[in-house]
N, C-alpha and C. Protein backbone atom coordinates (compact mmCIF):
# COMPACT_ATOMS: atom_id res chain seq x y z
N UNK A 1 101.64 81.29 116.52
CA UNK A 1 101.77 80.95 115.26
C UNK A 1 103.10 80.47 115.90
N UNK A 2 103.81 79.91 115.20
CA UNK A 2 104.97 78.53 115.79
C UNK A 2 106.16 79.68 115.35
N UNK A 3 106.48 80.36 116.00
CA UNK A 3 107.49 80.77 116.13
C UNK A 3 109.05 79.81 116.40
N UNK A 4 108.90 78.81 116.68
CA UNK A 4 110.01 78.26 117.60
C UNK A 4 110.33 76.80 116.08
N UNK A 5 109.39 76.65 115.33
CA UNK A 5 109.24 76.48 113.88
C UNK A 5 110.42 76.72 113.40
N UNK A 6 111.33 75.72 112.86
CA UNK A 6 113.12 76.16 112.17
C UNK A 6 112.46 77.67 110.83
N UNK A 7 112.79 77.96 110.25
CA UNK A 7 112.91 79.00 109.00
C UNK A 7 112.64 77.85 107.89
N UNK A 8 113.34 77.06 107.61
CA UNK A 8 112.88 75.38 106.65
C UNK A 8 112.58 75.93 107.06
N UNK A 9 111.71 75.02 107.78
CA UNK A 9 110.83 74.04 107.80
C UNK A 9 109.19 75.16 107.13
N UNK A 10 109.16 76.36 107.88
CA UNK A 10 108.04 76.58 108.05
C UNK A 10 108.13 77.44 105.98
N UNK A 11 109.47 77.55 105.86
CA UNK A 11 109.20 77.71 104.27
C UNK A 11 109.06 76.56 103.23
N UNK A 12 109.27 75.74 103.74
CA UNK A 12 109.13 74.13 103.02
C UNK A 12 107.72 73.99 103.11
N UNK A 13 107.38 74.41 104.25
CA UNK A 13 105.38 73.72 104.71
C UNK A 13 105.03 74.87 103.64
N UNK A 14 105.00 75.82 103.39
CA UNK A 14 104.85 77.39 103.03
C UNK A 14 104.42 76.72 101.26
N UNK A 15 105.57 76.01 100.51
CA UNK A 15 106.02 76.02 99.54
C UNK A 15 105.06 74.84 99.14
N UNK A 16 104.57 73.84 99.48
CA UNK A 16 103.81 72.82 99.52
C UNK A 16 102.24 73.06 99.71
N UNK A 17 102.42 74.69 100.17
CA UNK A 17 100.71 74.77 100.35
C UNK A 17 100.59 75.52 98.82
N UNK A 18 101.64 75.80 98.10
CA UNK A 18 101.21 77.52 97.58
C UNK A 18 102.02 76.49 96.17
N UNK A 19 102.82 75.57 96.28
CA UNK A 19 101.80 74.46 95.16
C UNK A 19 100.99 72.89 94.67
N UNK A 20 100.05 72.96 96.06
CA UNK A 20 98.96 72.26 96.35
C UNK A 20 98.01 73.71 95.19
N UNK A 21 98.22 74.38 95.54
CA UNK A 21 97.18 75.54 95.95
C UNK A 21 97.46 75.79 93.29
N UNK A 22 98.89 76.80 93.45
CA UNK A 22 99.11 76.68 91.80
C UNK A 22 98.90 75.59 91.18
N UNK A 23 98.75 74.14 91.81
CA UNK A 23 98.41 72.71 91.29
C UNK A 23 97.02 72.40 91.18
N UNK A 24 96.24 73.32 91.73
CA UNK A 24 94.88 72.78 91.84
C UNK A 24 94.77 72.00 92.22
N UNK A 25 95.30 71.26 93.20
CA UNK A 25 95.94 70.23 94.48
C UNK A 25 94.24 70.22 94.77
N UNK A 26 93.91 71.19 95.70
CA UNK A 26 93.65 71.88 96.81
C UNK A 26 91.40 71.34 96.74
N UNK A 27 91.10 71.15 97.39
CA UNK A 27 89.94 71.34 97.09
C UNK A 27 89.57 72.57 97.80
N UNK A 28 87.81 72.56 97.42
CA UNK A 28 88.02 74.27 96.98
C UNK A 28 87.38 74.55 98.54
N UNK A 29 87.01 73.37 99.82
CA UNK A 29 86.20 73.49 100.58
C UNK A 29 87.57 73.83 102.00
N UNK A 30 88.95 72.64 101.27
CA UNK A 30 90.09 73.79 102.13
C UNK A 30 90.91 74.71 102.13
N UNK A 31 90.75 75.78 100.39
CA UNK A 31 91.39 76.75 100.15
C UNK A 31 91.84 77.38 101.28
N UNK A 32 90.47 77.83 101.90
CA UNK A 32 90.37 78.56 102.99
C UNK A 32 91.79 78.96 103.66
N UNK A 33 91.49 77.24 104.14
CA UNK A 33 92.22 76.97 105.66
C UNK A 33 93.39 77.41 105.09
N UNK A 34 93.70 76.21 104.05
CA UNK A 34 95.55 76.92 102.95
C UNK A 34 96.44 78.13 103.19
N UNK A 35 94.95 79.12 102.83
CA UNK A 35 95.33 80.22 102.37
C UNK A 35 95.89 80.90 103.97
N UNK A 36 95.14 80.40 104.75
CA UNK A 36 95.27 81.17 106.97
C UNK A 36 96.37 80.42 106.71
N UNK A 37 96.79 79.30 106.34
CA UNK A 37 98.03 78.69 106.64
C UNK A 37 98.40 79.07 107.14
N UNK A 38 98.25 79.17 105.64
CA UNK A 38 100.06 80.24 104.18
C UNK A 38 100.38 81.79 104.71
N UNK A 39 99.01 82.28 105.20
CA UNK A 39 99.56 83.63 106.34
C UNK A 39 99.77 82.99 107.38
N UNK A 40 99.88 82.03 107.83
CA UNK A 40 100.49 82.68 109.25
C UNK A 40 101.95 82.11 109.40
N UNK A 41 102.61 81.29 107.98
CA UNK A 41 103.24 80.87 107.59
C UNK A 41 104.38 81.77 107.34
N UNK A 42 103.67 82.93 106.39
CA UNK A 42 104.25 84.39 105.54
C UNK A 42 104.68 85.35 107.28
N UNK A 43 104.07 85.57 108.19
CA UNK A 43 104.27 86.09 109.27
C UNK A 43 104.93 85.99 110.15
N UNK A 44 105.81 84.32 110.18
CA UNK A 44 106.86 84.18 111.10
C UNK A 44 108.26 84.33 110.30
N UNK A 45 107.57 84.18 108.95
CA UNK A 45 108.62 83.94 108.22
C UNK A 45 109.63 85.12 108.15
N UNK A 46 108.58 86.57 107.95
CA UNK A 46 108.30 87.56 107.95
C UNK A 46 108.96 88.05 109.91
N UNK A 47 108.91 87.67 110.27
CA UNK A 47 109.77 87.88 111.80
C UNK A 47 110.92 87.74 111.66
N UNK A 48 111.34 86.03 111.53
CA UNK A 48 112.42 85.86 111.96
C UNK A 48 113.33 86.38 110.37
N UNK A 49 113.61 86.77 109.35
CA UNK A 49 113.77 87.69 108.76
C UNK A 49 114.06 88.94 109.87
N UNK A 50 113.54 89.87 109.53
CA UNK A 50 113.27 90.14 110.69
C UNK A 50 114.71 91.02 111.99
N UNK A 51 113.70 90.25 112.87
CA UNK A 51 114.76 89.68 113.78
C UNK A 51 116.93 89.02 113.50
N UNK A 52 116.49 88.18 112.56
CA UNK A 52 117.98 87.78 111.51
C UNK A 52 119.11 89.39 111.18
N UNK A 53 117.58 90.17 110.95
CA UNK A 53 118.64 91.35 110.45
C UNK A 53 118.96 92.15 111.38
N UNK A 54 117.90 92.72 112.52
CA UNK A 54 118.36 93.15 113.58
C UNK A 54 119.68 92.59 114.60
N UNK A 55 119.95 90.65 114.18
CA UNK A 55 120.88 90.93 115.16
C UNK A 55 122.13 90.97 113.82
N UNK A 56 121.89 90.76 112.79
CA UNK A 56 123.01 91.07 111.54
C UNK A 56 123.55 92.72 111.98
N UNK A 57 123.22 93.87 112.35
CA UNK A 57 123.00 94.89 112.01
C UNK A 57 124.07 95.42 113.22
N UNK A 58 123.54 94.89 114.55
CA UNK A 58 124.12 94.55 115.34
C UNK A 58 126.09 93.81 115.87
N UNK A 59 126.06 92.74 115.24
CA UNK A 59 127.00 92.10 114.60
C UNK A 59 127.99 93.09 114.68
N UNK A 60 127.79 93.39 113.30
CA UNK A 60 128.45 94.45 112.26
C UNK A 60 129.04 95.82 113.20
N UNK A 61 127.45 96.45 113.56
CA UNK A 61 127.96 97.93 114.52
C UNK A 61 128.89 97.30 115.31
N UNK A 62 128.85 95.61 115.76
CA UNK A 62 129.70 95.99 117.41
C UNK A 62 131.09 95.74 116.25
N UNK A 63 131.25 94.88 115.15
CA UNK A 63 132.52 94.88 114.48
C UNK A 63 133.14 96.05 114.55
N UNK A 64 132.46 97.03 113.66
CA UNK A 64 132.68 98.29 113.21
C UNK A 64 132.94 99.73 114.42
N UNK A 65 132.44 99.06 115.67
CA UNK A 65 133.16 100.10 117.17
C UNK A 65 134.07 99.39 117.64
N UNK A 66 134.84 98.17 117.14
CA UNK A 66 135.69 97.63 117.80
C UNK A 66 137.20 97.78 116.82
N UNK A 67 136.74 98.07 116.43
CA UNK A 67 137.80 97.51 114.76
C UNK A 67 138.76 98.97 115.12
């Protein structure tokens, strides 16, 4: 997985893949490859969201205890 890619770039790539699949612009021979890449991107995006959620909870907790 490409953890170093930004959330925005990963999301943009995922959106392009989904658009090509939904628009039926993808060759059947490349469909499995695109679905696999989309799955990888979803995992990266979920991971980034989870890390951000944890960071925000820690920041809020620190703020609440210091107030």
